[in-house]
Amino acid sequence: MQRFNSENIKSLEGFDIAWVEEAQTLSDISLRLLRPTIRKENSELWFSWKPRHDTDPVDKLFRGPGKPTDAILAEVNWNDNPWFPDVLKREKDEDYARDPEMADHVWGGNYEIVSEGAYYARLIVQAEKEGRIGEFPYDPRLPVVTSWDLGVDDYTAVWFIQEDGEHATVVDYYETNNEGADDIIATCVPELFIPPPLDEKFIGWSKDAALAELGRSPAFHYGQHYLPHDVRVREWGFGARSRVETVRSLGLDRVRKGAATNPMDRINAVRRILPLTRFNNTPRVEQGIKRLRRYRRKWNDTLNSYTTPMHDENSHGADAFGEYAVNCPVELPRPKKPKYPKQHFFEVGADGRVRSNMSVREIIDMKKRRRISLEQ
């Protein structure tokens, strides 16, 4: 398919069947060229592939919401093979014992959730296993901090996070591209938005309607907003005002400008905070989780090794979370383990001796701290 374009592929119009092997590598353009070309009555298109990502064009076509009505989808795996040899069975079992997530992709036919070169994929899998991706809704008692990665002709990503002293809880996520600051703030932070005066596109704008569009009830109340260090760069398109001046004029107060850090500092900060992070499993937050899961390093064919972080559609969400990680309170701790056993006992034997599952020092300390009398 790589050798064809919209003109010379017309030479295939007499064919009535096509088989695409390793179809997960087929591009969206190739798929769009091929489908209308094989169009004879009763013609057939066959695709065989190992699922890789839910964003692969063939996967979106056959496993997404808009699956063709005349398509037949059959999952075939090793356990459907009556001649599956023992040597492969041993290899499969060893892979599952060594790396269950990757084995589930290689042998189980599931999506590749941990890809080589990914920075955070295993930490996201860990969060899933520990039940930290689930129902963790907005808590009205706590303020929401936001963390941003700004794009002018690119993606803008925003995380909405609450802190309770033990966890950072992601309650929402928002991303968009090719939109101005006013549209972004009006859409994702309507609680704070101040419509620019005399701007016709915001005539009739309603905070309640914007919140209803987000499904955000109750409305959030906010703490600080972490914006990247270049937020003070002046944008000529806004009357030579800096970005921070622009967002403040639109209602985003309490802006905190981040420090200039190199990518690895942000990545290491995210790695430290992710084990303490919970995610409210909504469609928007799920999109943010996908961005973190797929954030990865570039592969250099010449050096035969990974190099710097890849700049793609996933890097903006990852950078926005990194902005939070380098700015969040350093005192955000792991839950402390109890100093003493949760249950303790004192027994007086027939010989009059006291037996306990605590050391003498622990008993003395407990007596001092809790004023518990051994006689009692």
Protein backbone atom coordinates (compact mmCIF):
# COMPACT_ATOMS: atom_id res chain seq x y z
CA MET A 1 0.00 0.00 0.00
CA GLN A 2 2.92 2.38 0.56
CA ARG A 3 3.62 2.35 -3.18
CA PHE A 4 0.13 3.51 -4.14
CA ASN A 5 -1.53 6.90 -4.19
CA SER A 6 -4.99 8.10 -5.11
CA GLU A 7 -4.15 7.95 -8.83
CA ASN A 8 -2.30 4.71 -9.47
CA ILE A 9 -4.37 2.68 -7.01
CA LYS A 10 -7.20 2.89 -9.59
CA SER A 11 -5.43 0.04 -11.43
CA LEU A 12 -6.73 -2.28 -8.72
CA GLU A 13 -10.40 -1.60 -9.42
CA GLY A 14 -10.86 -4.96 -11.19
CA PHE A 15 -9.97 -6.91 -8.07
CA ASP A 16 -12.69 -8.36 -5.90
CA ILE A 17 -10.71 -9.39 -2.82
CA ALA A 18 -7.87 -7.90 -0.78
CA TRP A 19 -6.11 -9.26 2.28
CA VAL A 20 -4.15 -6.91 4.56
CA GLU A 21 -1.70 -8.72 6.82
CA GLU A 22 -0.29 -6.97 9.94
CA ALA A 23 -3.10 -4.48 9.46
CA GLN A 24 -2.28 -2.65 12.72
CA THR A 25 0.51 -0.91 10.76
CA LEU A 26 -1.85 0.29 8.00
CA SER A 27 -2.10 4.08 7.91
CA ASP A 28 -5.36 5.97 7.86
CA ILE A 29 -4.56 7.24 4.34
CA SER A 30 -3.90 3.73 3.02
CA LEU A 31 -7.14 2.49 4.55
CA ARG A 32 -9.10 5.33 2.96
CA LEU A 33 -7.54 4.55 -0.44
CA LEU A 34 -8.14 0.82 -0.30
CA ARG A 35 -11.74 0.59 0.85
CA PRO A 36 -13.47 2.32 -2.13
CA THR A 37 -11.11 0.62 -4.62
CA ILE A 38 -12.31 -2.94 -3.89
CA ARG A 39 -15.91 -2.27 -4.86
CA LYS A 40 -17.10 -5.07 -7.19
CA GLU A 41 -20.37 -6.74 -6.24
CA ASN A 42 -19.75 -9.31 -3.46
CA SER A 43 -16.12 -8.19 -3.14
CA GLU A 44 -14.38 -8.73 0.21
CA LEU A 45 -11.76 -7.00 2.30
CA TRP A 46 -9.89 -9.12 4.85
CA PHE A 47 -7.77 -7.67 7.65
CA SER A 48 -5.70 -9.69 10.11
CA TRP A 49 -3.83 -7.94 12.91
CA LYS A 50 -2.56 -8.09 16.45
CA PRO A 51 -4.25 -5.34 18.49
CA ARG A 52 -1.72 -2.69 19.42
CA HIS A 53 -3.46 0.60 20.23
CA ASP A 54 -7.12 1.60 20.16
CA THR A 55 -6.02 4.52 17.98
CA ASP A 56 -4.75 2.32 15.11
CA PRO A 57 -6.99 3.01 12.06
CA VAL A 58 -7.98 -0.64 11.53
CA ASP A 59 -8.83 -1.00 15.22
CA LYS A 60 -10.96 2.15 15.20
CA LEU A 61 -12.76 0.87 12.09
CA PHE A 62 -13.68 -2.57 13.38
CA ARG A 63 -13.65 -2.24 17.17
CA GLY A 64 -14.73 1.37 17.55
CA PRO A 65 -18.28 2.71 17.81
CA GLY A 66 -18.76 3.08 14.03
CA LYS A 67 -18.11 -0.52 12.96
CA PRO A 68 -19.39 -1.29 9.40
CA THR A 69 -22.74 -3.05 9.50
CA ASP A 70 -21.65 -5.78 7.06
CA ALA A 71 -18.38 -6.56 8.87
CA ILE A 72 -17.57 -9.81 10.64
CA LEU A 73 -15.07 -9.60 13.47
CA ALA A 74 -13.51 -12.80 14.84
CA GLU A 75 -10.95 -12.99 17.62
CA VAL A 76 -8.50 -15.86 17.12
CA ASN A 77 -5.79 -16.71 19.63
CA TRP A 78 -3.34 -19.42 20.65
CA ASN A 79 -6.01 -21.36 22.51
CA ASP A 80 -7.93 -21.70 19.21
CA ASN A 81 -4.94 -23.52 17.67
CA PRO A 82 -5.25 -27.33 18.04
CA TRP A 83 -1.59 -27.68 17.03
CA PHE A 84 -0.24 -25.16 19.55
CA PRO A 85 3.15 -26.73 20.51
CA ASP A 86 4.38 -27.31 24.05
CA VAL A 87 7.48 -25.20 23.44
CA LEU A 88 5.30 -22.12 22.78
CA LYS A 89 3.09 -22.94 25.75
CA ARG A 90 6.18 -22.92 28.01
CA GLU A 91 7.32 -19.63 26.47
CA LYS A 92 3.86 -18.12 27.04
CA ASP A 93 3.78 -19.21 30.68
CA GLU A 94 7.28 -17.82 31.26
CA ASP A 95 6.29 -14.48 29.70
CA TYR A 96 3.22 -14.21 31.95
CA ALA A 97 5.34 -14.99 35.01
CA ARG A 98 8.00 -12.43 34.04
CA ASP A 99 5.89 -9.55 32.65
CA PRO A 100 2.11 -10.08 32.80
CA GLU A 101 1.24 -6.74 31.16
CA MET A 102 3.39 -7.27 28.09
CA ALA A 103 2.42 -10.96 27.90
CA ASP A 104 -1.23 -9.97 27.87
CA HIS A 105 -0.49 -8.00 24.70
CA VAL A 106 1.78 -10.59 23.05
CA TRP A 107 -0.25 -13.70 23.91
CA GLY A 108 -3.63 -12.44 25.07
CA GLY A 109 -4.39 -10.13 22.16
CA ASN A 110 -5.02 -7.12 24.38
CA TYR A 111 -3.84 -3.58 23.70
CA GLU A 112 -0.22 -2.71 24.32
CA ILE A 113 -0.47 -0.87 27.61
CA VAL A 114 3.21 -1.05 28.52
CA SER A 115 5.34 -0.19 25.52
CA GLU A 116 9.11 -0.19 25.48
CA GLY A 117 10.42 3.32 25.96
CA ALA A 118 7.30 4.52 27.82
CA TYR A 119 8.03 6.63 30.89
CA TYR A 120 4.94 6.08 33.03
CA ALA A 121 3.14 3.03 31.62
CA ARG A 122 4.09 0.68 34.44
CA LEU A 123 3.14 3.25 37.06
CA ILE A 124 -0.31 3.55 35.44
CA VAL A 125 -0.66 -0.26 35.50
CA GLN A 126 0.31 -0.15 39.17
CA ALA A 127 -2.40 2.44 39.84
CA GLU A 128 -4.96 0.18 38.15
CA LYS A 129 -3.91 -2.83 40.22
CA GLU A 130 -4.04 -0.84 43.45
CA GLY A 131 -7.54 0.47 42.69
CA ARG A 132 -6.38 4.08 42.32
CA ILE A 133 -8.26 4.47 39.04
CA GLY A 134 -11.91 4.41 40.00
CA GLU A 135 -14.60 6.54 41.54
CA PHE A 136 -12.82 9.47 43.18
CA PRO A 137 -15.15 12.42 42.57
CA TYR A 138 -14.65 16.08 43.41
CA ASP A 139 -14.62 16.80 47.15
CA PRO A 140 -16.28 20.23 47.82
CA ARG A 141 -14.26 20.56 51.03
CA LEU A 142 -10.96 20.80 49.13
CA PRO A 143 -9.78 23.37 46.58
CA VAL A 144 -8.84 22.29 43.06
CA VAL A 145 -5.42 23.18 41.71
CA THR A 146 -4.93 23.21 37.97
CA SER A 147 -1.76 22.47 36.02
CA TRP A 148 -1.30 23.60 32.42
CA ASP A 149 0.72 23.09 29.29
CA LEU A 150 -0.03 25.97 26.94
CA GLY A 151 -0.18 25.72 23.17
CA VAL A 152 -0.85 28.48 20.68
CA ASP A 153 -0.87 26.48 17.43
CA ASP A 154 -0.73 23.23 19.35
CA TYR A 155 -2.41 21.29 22.16
CA THR A 156 -3.30 22.88 25.47
CA ALA A 157 -3.74 20.41 28.34
CA VAL A 158 -5.09 21.05 31.86
CA TRP A 159 -5.21 18.73 34.89
CA PHE A 160 -7.60 19.35 37.81
CA ILE A 161 -6.22 17.96 41.07
CA GLN A 162 -7.16 17.94 44.76
CA GLU A 163 -4.79 17.22 47.66
CA ASP A 164 -5.82 15.75 51.01
CA GLY A 165 -2.39 15.36 52.64
CA GLU A 166 -2.05 11.71 51.61
CA HIS A 167 -3.04 11.61 47.94
CA ALA A 168 -3.26 13.81 44.90
CA THR A 169 -6.64 13.07 43.29
CA VAL A 170 -7.24 13.90 39.63
CA VAL A 171 -10.89 14.92 39.36
CA ASP A 172 -10.90 16.20 35.74
CA TYR A 173 -8.76 16.67 32.63
CA TYR A 174 -9.17 18.89 29.59
CA GLU A 175 -7.32 19.22 26.32
CA THR A 176 -7.89 21.05 23.07
CA ASN A 177 -5.89 22.40 20.15
CA ASN A 178 -5.83 25.51 17.99
CA GLU A 179 -7.94 27.57 20.39
CA GLY A 180 -7.23 30.91 22.04
CA ALA A 181 -6.96 31.59 25.76
CA ASP A 182 -10.49 33.02 25.97
CA ASP A 183 -12.13 29.95 24.42
CA ILE A 184 -10.07 27.58 26.57
CA ILE A 185 -10.79 29.32 29.88
CA ALA A 186 -14.48 29.79 29.01
CA THR A 187 -14.77 26.07 28.30
CA CYS A 188 -12.65 24.36 30.94
CA VAL A 189 -12.74 26.85 33.85
CA PRO A 190 -16.16 28.50 33.46
CA GLU A 191 -16.38 29.05 37.24
CA LEU A 192 -13.74 31.79 36.90
CA PHE A 193 -14.19 33.06 33.36
CA ILE A 194 -14.73 36.79 32.79
CA PRO A 195 -15.97 37.36 29.21
CA PRO A 196 -13.96 40.02 27.38
CA PRO A 197 -16.02 43.18 26.97
CA LEU A 198 -17.43 43.89 23.51
CA ASP A 199 -16.47 40.41 22.25
CA GLU A 200 -19.40 39.27 20.13
CA LYS A 201 -18.65 35.56 20.35
CA PHE A 202 -19.37 35.60 24.09
CA ILE A 203 -22.71 37.37 23.82
CA GLY A 204 -25.14 35.06 25.57
CA TRP A 205 -22.38 32.99 27.17
CA SER A 206 -23.67 31.30 30.31
CA LYS A 207 -21.64 29.90 33.18
CA ASP A 208 -24.39 27.43 34.03
CA ALA A 209 -24.58 26.17 30.45
CA ALA A 210 -20.78 25.76 30.31
CA LEU A 211 -20.78 23.81 33.57
CA ALA A 212 -23.63 21.64 32.33
CA GLU A 213 -21.66 20.92 29.15
CA LEU A 214 -18.78 19.69 31.32
CA GLY A 215 -21.12 17.71 33.56
CA ARG A 216 -19.55 19.55 36.49
CA SER A 217 -21.90 19.69 39.44
CA PRO A 218 -21.17 21.11 41.91
CA ALA A 219 -18.94 23.80 40.46
CA PHE A 220 -15.27 23.62 41.47
CA HIS A 221 -13.65 26.12 43.77
CA TYR A 222 -9.99 26.68 43.04
CA GLY A 223 -6.64 27.14 44.68
CA GLN A 224 -3.55 27.90 42.63
CA HIS A 225 -3.04 27.49 38.89
CA TYR A 226 0.35 26.14 37.84
CA LEU A 227 1.39 27.49 34.45
CA PRO A 228 4.71 26.83 32.67
CA HIS A 229 7.67 29.15 33.10
CA ASP A 230 7.18 30.76 29.66
CA VAL A 231 3.77 32.11 30.71
CA ARG A 232 5.35 35.57 30.90
CA VAL A 233 6.29 35.50 27.22
CA ARG A 234 4.61 38.38 25.40
CA GLU A 235 2.09 37.53 22.71
CA TRP A 236 1.67 40.29 20.12
CA GLY A 237 -1.74 38.95 19.21
CA PHE A 238 -3.05 40.10 22.58
CA GLY A 239 -1.90 43.70 22.45
CA ALA A 240 1.68 42.84 23.50
CA ARG A 241 0.44 41.46 26.80
CA SER A 242 2.13 38.44 28.33
CA ARG A 243 0.23 35.19 28.59
CA VAL A 244 -0.10 35.58 32.34
CA GLU A 245 -1.63 39.03 31.89
CA THR A 246 -4.03 37.58 29.35
CA VAL A 247 -5.24 34.70 31.54
CA ARG A 248 -5.62 36.97 34.56
CA SER A 249 -7.77 39.38 32.57
CA LEU A 250 -9.99 36.38 31.69
CA GLY A 251 -10.52 35.46 35.36
CA LEU A 252 -7.69 33.00 36.04
CA ASP A 253 -6.26 34.53 39.19
CA ARG A 254 -3.75 33.01 41.65
CA VAL A 255 -1.44 32.04 38.80
CA ARG A 256 1.87 30.50 39.81
CA LYS A 257 4.63 30.58 37.21
CA GLY A 258 6.62 27.34 37.15
CA ALA A 259 10.38 27.14 37.21
CA ALA A 260 12.31 26.34 34.05
CA THR A 261 13.22 22.67 34.38
CA ASN A 262 14.67 20.17 31.96
CA PRO A 263 12.42 17.31 30.77
CA MET A 264 14.08 14.67 32.98
CA ASP A 265 13.44 16.74 36.11
CA ARG A 266 9.73 16.81 35.26
CA ILE A 267 9.71 13.10 34.41
CA ASN A 268 11.39 12.15 37.68
CA ALA A 269 8.99 14.40 39.61
CA VAL A 270 6.02 12.65 37.95
CA ARG A 271 7.49 9.25 38.81
CA ARG A 272 7.64 10.30 42.47
CA ILE A 273 4.09 11.61 42.60
CA LEU A 274 2.25 8.98 40.51
CA PRO A 275 2.35 6.29 43.25
CA LEU A 276 0.44 8.77 45.45
CA THR A 277 -2.07 9.77 42.76
CA ARG A 278 -5.67 8.65 42.32
CA PHE A 279 -7.72 9.18 39.17
CA ASN A 280 -11.46 9.73 38.94
CA ASN A 281 -12.36 7.40 36.06
CA THR A 282 -14.34 9.67 33.74
CA PRO A 283 -13.98 9.85 29.93
CA ARG A 284 -11.91 13.04 30.10
CA VAL A 285 -9.63 11.73 32.84
CA GLU A 286 -9.27 8.46 30.91
CA GLN A 287 -7.99 10.52 27.97
CA GLY A 288 -5.42 12.12 30.27
CA ILE A 289 -4.37 8.70 31.58
CA LYS A 290 -3.83 7.57 27.98
CA ARG A 291 -1.56 10.57 27.42
CA LEU A 292 0.55 9.60 30.44
CA ARG A 293 0.60 5.93 29.45
CA ARG A 294 1.80 6.67 25.92
CA TYR A 295 4.38 9.34 26.70
CA ARG A 296 7.66 7.87 25.55
CA ARG A 297 11.22 8.36 24.36
CA LYS A 298 12.37 8.69 20.77
CA TRP A 299 14.13 5.76 19.14
CA ASN A 300 17.35 6.56 17.30
CA ASP A 301 18.02 3.98 14.57
CA THR A 302 21.61 5.13 14.12
CA LEU A 303 22.50 4.83 17.81
CA ASN A 304 20.18 1.83 18.25
CA SER A 305 18.91 3.33 21.50
CA TYR A 306 16.30 5.62 23.00
CA THR A 307 17.10 9.31 23.28
CA THR A 308 15.01 12.34 24.31
CA PRO A 309 11.26 12.51 25.05
CA MET A 310 9.09 12.34 21.95
CA HIS A 311 7.08 15.46 21.13
CA ASP A 312 3.66 14.31 19.92
CA GLU A 313 -0.01 14.50 20.92
CA ASN A 314 0.79 12.74 24.21
CA SER A 315 3.60 15.02 25.36
CA HIS A 316 1.34 17.99 26.17
CA GLY A 317 -0.78 16.12 28.70
CA ALA A 318 2.38 14.59 30.18
CA ASP A 319 4.10 18.00 30.40
CA ALA A 320 1.04 19.52 32.07
CA PHE A 321 1.10 16.77 34.72
CA GLY A 322 4.84 17.31 35.05
CA GLU A 323 4.15 20.98 35.80
CA TYR A 324 2.02 19.85 38.74
CA ALA A 325 4.61 17.31 39.90
CA VAL A 326 7.42 19.88 40.16
CA ASN A 327 5.16 22.43 41.90
CA CYS A 328 3.07 20.28 44.23
CA PRO A 329 3.77 20.43 47.97
CA VAL A 330 6.89 18.45 48.81
CA GLU A 331 5.29 17.50 52.12
CA LEU A 332 2.63 15.41 50.35
CA PRO A 333 3.52 12.16 52.16
CA ARG A 334 2.77 8.51 51.83
CA PRO A 335 0.30 7.34 54.48
CA LYS A 336 2.41 6.58 57.56
CA LYS A 337 2.43 3.06 58.88
CA PRO A 338 1.26 2.78 62.50
CA LYS A 339 4.14 2.74 64.96
CA TYR A 340 2.58 0.03 67.04
CA PRO A 341 0.62 -3.09 66.11
CA LYS A 342 -3.02 -2.35 65.37
CA GLN A 343 -4.05 -4.85 68.06
CA HIS A 344 -2.12 -5.39 71.27
CA PHE A 345 -2.78 -7.47 74.37
CA PHE A 346 -1.69 -7.86 77.97
CA GLU A 347 -2.20 -11.14 79.76
CA VAL A 348 -1.46 -11.99 83.36
CA GLY A 349 -0.54 -15.66 83.73
CA ALA A 350 -1.12 -17.93 86.70
CA ASP A 351 2.44 -17.17 87.82
CA GLY A 352 1.58 -13.46 87.97
CA ARG A 353 3.75 -12.55 85.00
CA VAL A 354 2.48 -10.13 82.35
CA ARG A 355 2.70 -11.32 78.75
CA SER A 356 2.25 -8.98 75.78
CA ASN A 357 2.96 -8.84 72.04
CA MET A 358 4.78 -5.53 72.62
CA SER A 359 8.32 -4.82 73.78
CA VAL A 360 9.00 -3.30 77.19
CA ARG A 361 10.02 -0.02 75.53
CA GLU A 362 6.77 0.10 73.51
CA ILE A 363 4.74 -0.57 76.66
CA ILE A 364 6.54 2.23 78.52
CA ASP A 365 6.11 4.64 75.62
CA MET A 366 2.43 3.77 75.26
CA LYS A 367 1.88 4.26 78.96
CA LYS A 368 3.47 7.70 78.80
CA ARG A 369 1.61 8.77 75.66
CA ARG A 370 -1.80 7.29 76.32
CA ARG A 371 -1.76 7.27 80.13
CA ILE A 372 -2.74 3.63 80.26
CA SER A 373 -2.12 1.92 83.53
CA LEU A 374 -0.80 -1.64 83.37
CA GLU A 375 -2.86 -2.46 86.44
CA GLN A 376 -6.01 -1.64 84.49
